[in-house]
Every structure is written in structure tokens, then in C-alpha cells.
Amino acid sequence: PEGVKAIPEIVINGVSVEAVEKAMYICMDVASRVDGVVKLSAGNYGGKLGKYKIYLKDILDKHQ
């Protein structure tokens, strides 16, 4: 998008799906408070990163 200066990629590894979901929620919460953040998104690279698919909306629904 116009005005975007960087698109960081955050990789999270964990001992369980629950641990990864918690880490993702914390990252989303903190990132959403940073001035200038335009958008948060996630990709699964066609499922090539493993058998688990964790959706951001599902994580938000669990923690609200």
C-alpha cells in the first residue's frame, strides 16, 4: 500500500499449536498498537510450512 516503508515477516516456532497461537496473539496485539501499522496478515505458503493452519481471525475470536 502507498506509504508503506517496510513489510516485516515474523516467524514463530513453538512446542504446541496453543503456544504458537498465544505468541501470534501477543504479536498481533503489540503490532496493532504501533503507530503507522497499516495491516496485519499471514500466509501459509500453500501449506508447505507444515500440517497446521492457524487463522488470525480464529485467534482473535478466542482471545476476545
PDB file of N, CA and C in Angstrom:
ATOM      1  N   PRO A   1       0.828  -1.212   0.000  1.00  0.00           N
ATOM      2  CA  PRO A   1       0.000   0.000   0.000  1.00  0.00           C
ATOM      3  C   PRO A   1       0.865   1.267   0.000  1.00  0.00           C
ATOM      4  N   GLU A   2       0.300   2.328  -0.504  1.00  0.00           N
ATOM      5  CA  GLU A   2       1.013   3.598  -0.564  1.00  0.00           C
ATOM      6  C   GLU A   2       1.456   4.025   0.831  1.00  0.00           C
ATOM      7  N   GLY A   3       2.669   4.501   0.935  1.00  0.00           N
ATOM      8  CA  GLY A   3       3.196   4.984   2.200  1.00  0.00           C
ATOM      9  C   GLY A   3       3.842   3.919   3.065  1.00  0.00           C
ATOM     10  N   VAL A   4       3.727   2.671   2.679  1.00  0.00           N
ATOM     11  CA  VAL A   4       4.328   1.589   3.467  1.00  0.00           C
ATOM     12  C   VAL A   4       5.832   1.614   3.251  1.00  0.00           C
ATOM     13  N   LYS A   5       6.574   1.566   4.345  1.00  0.00           N
ATOM     14  CA  LYS A   5       8.030   1.627   4.269  1.00  0.00           C
ATOM     15  C   LYS A   5       8.688   0.276   4.522  1.00  0.00           C
ATOM     16  N   ALA A   6       7.959  -0.652   5.113  1.00  0.00           N
ATOM     17  CA  ALA A   6       8.533  -1.968   5.411  1.00  0.00           C
ATOM     18  C   ALA A   6       7.421  -2.990   5.566  1.00  0.00           C
ATOM     19  N   ILE A   7       7.746  -4.221   5.247  1.00  0.00           N
ATOM     20  CA  ILE A   7       6.819  -5.331   5.457  1.00  0.00           C
ATOM     21  C   ILE A   7       7.603  -6.434   6.171  1.00  0.00           C
ATOM     22  N   PRO A   8       7.626  -6.398   7.505  1.00  0.00           N
ATOM     23  CA  PRO A   8       8.392  -7.416   8.234  1.00  0.00           C
ATOM     24  C   PRO A   8       7.683  -8.767   8.228  1.00  0.00           C
ATOM     25  N   GLU A   9       8.471  -9.811   8.264  1.00  0.00           N
ATOM     26  CA  GLU A   9       7.934 -11.163   8.382  1.00  0.00           C
ATOM     27  C   GLU A   9       8.388 -11.713   9.728  1.00  0.00           C
ATOM     28  N   ILE A  10       7.437 -12.142  10.524  1.00  0.00           N
ATOM     29  CA  ILE A  10       7.739 -12.696  11.842  1.00  0.00           C
ATOM     30  C   ILE A  10       7.481 -14.192  11.786  1.00  0.00           C
ATOM     31  N   VAL A  11       8.488 -14.980  12.111  1.00  0.00           N
ATOM     32  CA  VAL A  11       8.365 -16.437  12.121  1.00  0.00           C
ATOM     33  C   VAL A  11       8.295 -16.895  13.568  1.00  0.00           C
ATOM     34  N   ILE A  12       7.282 -17.697  13.874  1.00  0.00           N
ATOM     35  CA  ILE A  12       7.091 -18.192  15.238  1.00  0.00           C
ATOM     36  C   ILE A  12       7.144 -19.711  15.219  1.00  0.00           C
ATOM     37  N   ASN A  13       8.040 -20.272  16.002  1.00  0.00           N
ATOM     38  CA  ASN A  13       8.105 -21.716  16.206  1.00  0.00           C
ATOM     39  C   ASN A  13       7.674 -21.989  17.637  1.00  0.00           C
ATOM     40  N   GLY A  14       7.012 -23.114  17.874  1.00  0.00           N
ATOM     41  CA  GLY A  14       6.565 -23.413  19.224  1.00  0.00           C
ATOM     42  C   GLY A  14       6.482 -24.897  19.489  1.00  0.00           C
ATOM     43  N   VAL A  15       6.326 -25.229  20.764  1.00  0.00           N
ATOM     44  CA  VAL A  15       6.252 -26.633  21.176  1.00  0.00           C
ATOM     45  C   VAL A  15       4.854 -27.205  21.017  1.00  0.00           C
ATOM     46  N   SER A  16       3.871 -26.329  20.782  1.00  0.00           N
ATOM     47  CA  SER A  16       2.491 -26.783  20.592  1.00  0.00           C
ATOM     48  C   SER A  16       1.735 -25.742  19.779  1.00  0.00           C
ATOM     49  N   VAL A  17       0.615 -26.157  19.220  1.00  0.00           N
ATOM     50  CA  VAL A  17      -0.236 -25.217  18.483  1.00  0.00           C
ATOM     51  C   VAL A  17      -0.700 -24.111  19.414  1.00  0.00           C
ATOM     52  N   GLU A  18      -1.041 -24.472  20.640  1.00  0.00           N
ATOM     53  CA  GLU A  18      -1.518 -23.481  21.608  1.00  0.00           C
ATOM     54  C   GLU A  18      -0.447 -22.430  21.898  1.00  0.00           C
ATOM     55  N   ALA A  19       0.805 -22.864  22.032  1.00  0.00           N
ATOM     56  CA  ALA A  19       1.899 -21.921  22.295  1.00  0.00           C
ATOM     57  C   ALA A  19       2.089 -20.968  21.118  1.00  0.00           C
ATOM     58  N   VAL A  20       1.991 -21.488  19.911  1.00  0.00           N
ATOM     59  CA  VAL A  20       2.137 -20.650  18.719  1.00  0.00           C
ATOM     60  C   VAL A  20       0.974 -19.672  18.621  1.00  0.00           C
ATOM     61  N   GLU A  21      -0.245 -20.139  18.884  1.00  0.00           N
ATOM     62  CA  GLU A  21      -1.410 -19.250  18.848  1.00  0.00           C
ATOM     63  C   GLU A  21      -1.271 -18.126  19.861  1.00  0.00           C
ATOM     64  N   LYS A  22      -0.801 -18.443  21.059  1.00  0.00           N
ATOM     65  CA  LYS A  22      -0.631 -17.416  22.088  1.00  0.00           C
ATOM     66  C   LYS A  22       0.421 -16.394  21.645  1.00  0.00           C
ATOM     67  N   ALA A  23       1.529 -16.883  21.096  1.00  0.00           N
ATOM     68  CA  ALA A  23       2.575 -15.981  20.610  1.00  0.00           C
ATOM     69  C   ALA A  23       2.057 -15.104  19.478  1.00  0.00           C
ATOM     70  N   MET A  24       1.272 -15.693  18.587  1.00  0.00           N
ATOM     71  CA  MET A  24       0.705 -14.920  17.479  1.00  0.00           C
ATOM     72  C   MET A  24      -0.232 -13.842  18.000  1.00  0.00           C
ATOM     73  N   TYR A  25      -1.053 -14.182  18.986  1.00  0.00           N
ATOM     74  CA  TYR A  25      -1.973 -13.193  19.545  1.00  0.00           C
ATOM     75  C   TYR A  25      -1.195 -12.028  20.165  1.00  0.00           C
ATOM     76  N   ILE A  26      -0.172 -12.349  20.934  1.00  0.00           N
ATOM     77  CA  ILE A  26       0.627 -11.298  21.570  1.00  0.00           C
ATOM     78  C   ILE A  26       1.282 -10.418  20.505  1.00  0.00           C
ATOM     79  N   CYS A  27       1.832 -11.028  19.476  1.00  0.00           N
ATOM     80  CA  CYS A  27       2.451 -10.254  18.384  1.00  0.00           C
ATOM     81  C   CYS A  27       1.436  -9.349  17.694  1.00  0.00           C
ATOM     82  N   MET A  28       0.244  -9.895  17.410  1.00  0.00           N
ATOM     83  CA  MET A  28      -0.786  -9.082  16.757  1.00  0.00           C
ATOM     84  C   MET A  28      -1.209  -7.924  17.646  1.00  0.00           C
ATOM     85  N   ASP A  29      -1.358  -8.194  18.936  1.00  0.00           N
ATOM     86  CA  ASP A  29      -1.784  -7.157  19.869  1.00  0.00           C
ATOM     87  C   ASP A  29      -0.756  -6.030  19.926  1.00  0.00           C
ATOM     88  N   VAL A  30       0.504  -6.394  20.085  1.00  0.00           N
ATOM     89  CA  VAL A  30       1.561  -5.385  20.168  1.00  0.00           C
ATOM     90  C   VAL A  30       1.709  -4.639  18.842  1.00  0.00           C
ATOM     91  N   ALA A  31       1.743  -5.369  17.738  1.00  0.00           N
ATOM     92  CA  ALA A  31       1.919  -4.731  16.427  1.00  0.00           C
ATOM     93  C   ALA A  31       0.775  -3.776  16.102  1.00  0.00           C
ATOM     94  N   SER A  32      -0.435  -4.122  16.524  1.00  0.00           N
ATOM     95  CA  SER A  32      -1.586  -3.269  16.223  1.00  0.00           C
ATOM     96  C   SER A  32      -1.537  -1.940  16.969  1.00  0.00           C
ATOM     97  N   ARG A  33      -0.704  -1.856  17.988  1.00  0.00           N
ATOM     98  CA  ARG A  33      -0.568  -0.623  18.772  1.00  0.00           C
ATOM     99  C   ARG A  33       0.561   0.280  18.263  1.00  0.00           C
ATOM    100  N   VAL A  34       1.333  -0.204  17.317  1.00  0.00           N
ATOM    101  CA  VAL A  34       2.457   0.571  16.788  1.00  0.00           C
ATOM    102  C   VAL A  34       1.928   1.612  15.807  1.00  0.00           C
ATOM    103  N   ASP A  35       2.312   2.852  16.036  1.00  0.00           N
ATOM    104  CA  ASP A  35       1.881   3.941  15.170  1.00  0.00           C
ATOM    105  C   ASP A  35       2.363   3.698  13.745  1.00  0.00           C
ATOM    106  N   GLY A  36       1.467   3.824  12.795  1.00  0.00           N
ATOM    107  CA  GLY A  36       1.817   3.670  11.395  1.00  0.00           C
ATOM    108  C   GLY A  36       1.560   2.295  10.816  1.00  0.00           C
ATOM    109  N   VAL A  37       1.227   1.317  11.656  1.00  0.00           N
ATOM    110  CA  VAL A  37       0.924  -0.016  11.125  1.00  0.00           C
ATOM    111  C   VAL A  37      -0.360   0.073  10.313  1.00  0.00           C
ATOM    112  N   VAL A  38      -0.303  -0.422   9.080  1.00  0.00           N
ATOM    113  CA  VAL A  38      -1.424  -0.328   8.155  1.00  0.00           C
ATOM    114  C   VAL A  38      -2.248  -1.607   8.151  1.00  0.00           C
ATOM    115  N   LYS A  39      -1.583  -2.741   8.251  1.00  0.00           N
ATOM    116  CA  LYS A  39      -2.282  -4.018   8.074  1.00  0.00           C
ATOM    117  C   LYS A  39      -1.468  -5.148   8.690  1.00  0.00           C
ATOM    118  N   LEU A  40      -2.170  -6.158   9.208  1.00  0.00           N
ATOM    119  CA  LEU A  40      -1.544  -7.399   9.660  1.00  0.00           C
ATOM    120  C   LEU A  40      -2.119  -8.529   8.824  1.00  0.00           C
ATOM    121  N   SER A  41      -1.280  -9.437   8.393  1.00  0.00           N
ATOM    122  CA  SER A  41      -1.763 -10.577   7.615  1.00  0.00           C
ATOM    123  C   SER A  41      -0.854 -11.772   7.860  1.00  0.00           C
ATOM    124  N   ALA A  42      -1.260 -12.907   7.338  1.00  0.00           N
ATOM    125  CA  ALA A  42      -0.465 -14.128   7.474  1.00  0.00           C
ATOM    126  C   ALA A  42      -0.620 -14.961   6.216  1.00  0.00           C
ATOM    127  N   GLY A  43       0.395 -15.720   5.926  1.00  0.00           N
ATOM    128  CA  GLY A  43       0.336 -16.619   4.778  1.00  0.00           C
ATOM    129  C   GLY A  43       0.718 -18.026   5.201  1.00  0.00           C
ATOM    130  N   ASN A  44       0.251 -18.990   4.439  1.00  0.00           N
ATOM    131  CA  ASN A  44       0.630 -20.369   4.767  1.00  0.00           C
ATOM    132  C   ASN A  44       1.456 -21.004   3.656  1.00  0.00           C
ATOM    133  N   TYR A  45       1.777 -20.225   2.644  1.00  0.00           N
ATOM    134  CA  TYR A  45       2.643 -20.686   1.554  1.00  0.00           C
ATOM    135  C   TYR A  45       2.167 -22.001   0.960  1.00  0.00           C
ATOM    136  N   GLY A  46       0.862 -22.082   0.740  1.00  0.00           N
ATOM    137  CA  GLY A  46       0.286 -23.271   0.123  1.00  0.00           C
ATOM    138  C   GLY A  46       0.361 -24.506   0.992  1.00  0.00           C
ATOM    139  N   GLY A  47       0.488 -24.324   2.296  1.00  0.00           N
ATOM    140  CA  GLY A  47       0.573 -25.458   3.208  1.00  0.00           C
ATOM    141  C   GLY A  47       1.950 -26.101   3.263  1.00  0.00           C
ATOM    142  N   LYS A  48       2.943 -25.484   2.658  1.00  0.00           N
ATOM    143  CA  LYS A  48       4.287 -26.067   2.598  1.00  0.00           C
ATOM    144  C   LYS A  48       5.075 -25.921   3.898  1.00  0.00           C
ATOM    145  N   LEU A  49       4.543 -25.176   4.865  1.00  0.00           N
ATOM    146  CA  LEU A  49       5.262 -24.972   6.122  1.00  0.00           C
ATOM    147  C   LEU A  49       4.892 -25.993   7.190  1.00  0.00           C
ATOM    148  N   GLY A  50       3.980 -26.878   6.886  1.00  0.00           N
ATOM    149  CA  GLY A  50       3.594 -27.882   7.875  1.00  0.00           C
ATOM    150  C   GLY A  50       2.120 -28.188   7.800  1.00  0.00           C
ATOM    151  N   LYS A  51       1.701 -29.094   8.649  1.00  0.00           N
ATOM    152  CA  LYS A  51       0.322 -29.577   8.579  1.00  0.00           C
ATOM    153  C   LYS A  51      -0.685 -28.674   9.279  1.00  0.00           C
ATOM    154  N   TYR A  52      -0.226 -27.700  10.054  1.00  0.00           N
ATOM    155  CA  TYR A  52      -1.145 -26.857  10.812  1.00  0.00           C
ATOM    156  C   TYR A  52      -1.447 -25.572  10.059  1.00  0.00           C
ATOM    157  N   LYS A  53      -2.698 -25.165  10.102  1.00  0.00           N
ATOM    158  CA  LYS A  53      -3.111 -23.871   9.571  1.00  0.00           C
ATOM    159  C   LYS A  53      -3.759 -23.112  10.717  1.00  0.00           C
ATOM    160  N   ILE A  54      -3.204 -21.975  11.049  1.00  0.00           N
ATOM    161  CA  ILE A  54      -3.690 -21.157  12.155  1.00  0.00           C
ATOM    162  C   ILE A  54      -4.163 -19.836  11.555  1.00  0.00           C
ATOM    163  N   TYR A  55      -5.433 -19.547  11.715  1.00  0.00           N
ATOM    164  CA  TYR A  55      -6.033 -18.358  11.109  1.00  0.00           C
ATOM    165  C   TYR A  55      -6.094 -17.214  12.116  1.00  0.00           C
ATOM    166  N   LEU A  56      -5.681 -16.024  11.681  1.00  0.00           N
ATOM    167  CA  LEU A  56      -5.651 -14.864  12.567  1.00  0.00           C
ATOM    168  C   LEU A  56      -7.019 -14.567  13.160  1.00  0.00           C
ATOM    169  N   LYS A  57      -8.067 -14.653  12.357  1.00  0.00           N
ATOM    170  CA  LYS A  57      -9.419 -14.369  12.857  1.00  0.00           C
ATOM    171  C   LYS A  57      -9.794 -15.338  13.974  1.00  0.00           C
ATOM    172  N   ASP A  58      -9.441 -16.605  13.836  1.00  0.00           N
ATOM    173  CA  ASP A  58      -9.742 -17.585  14.883  1.00  0.00           C
ATOM    174  C   ASP A  58      -9.017 -17.248  16.183  1.00  0.00           C
ATOM    175  N   ILE A  59      -7.778 -16.796  16.070  1.00  0.00           N
ATOM    176  CA  ILE A  59      -7.023 -16.413  17.267  1.00  0.00           C
ATOM    177  C   ILE A  59      -7.682 -15.215  17.937  1.00  0.00           C
ATOM    178  N   LEU A  60      -8.074 -14.226  17.155  1.00  0.00           N
ATOM    179  CA  LEU A  60      -8.743 -13.052  17.727  1.00  0.00           C
ATOM    180  C   LEU A  60     -10.052 -13.438  18.398  1.00  0.00           C
ATOM    181  N   ASP A  61     -10.816 -14.319  17.765  1.00  0.00           N
ATOM    182  CA  ASP A  61     -12.086 -14.765  18.348  1.00  0.00           C
ATOM    183  C   ASP A  61     -11.867 -15.463  19.688  1.00  0.00           C
ATOM    184  N   LYS A  62     -10.809 -16.243  19.813  1.00  0.00           N
ATOM    185  CA  LYS A  62     -10.514 -16.968  21.056  1.00  0.00           C
ATOM    186  C   LYS A  62     -10.159 -16.034  22.201  1.00  0.00           C
ATOM    187  N   HIS A  63      -9.520 -14.910  21.891  1.00  0.00           N
ATOM    188  CA  HIS A  63      -8.981 -14.038  22.932  1.00  0.00           C
ATOM    189  C   HIS A  63      -9.816 -12.792  23.194  1.00  0.00           C
ATOM    190  N   GLN A  64     -10.985 -12.695  22.565  1.00  0.00           N
ATOM    191  CA  GLN A  64     -11.816 -11.504  22.808  1.00  0.00           C
ATOM    192  C   GLN A  64     -13.027 -11.851  23.618  1.00  0.00           C
TER     193      GLN A  64
END
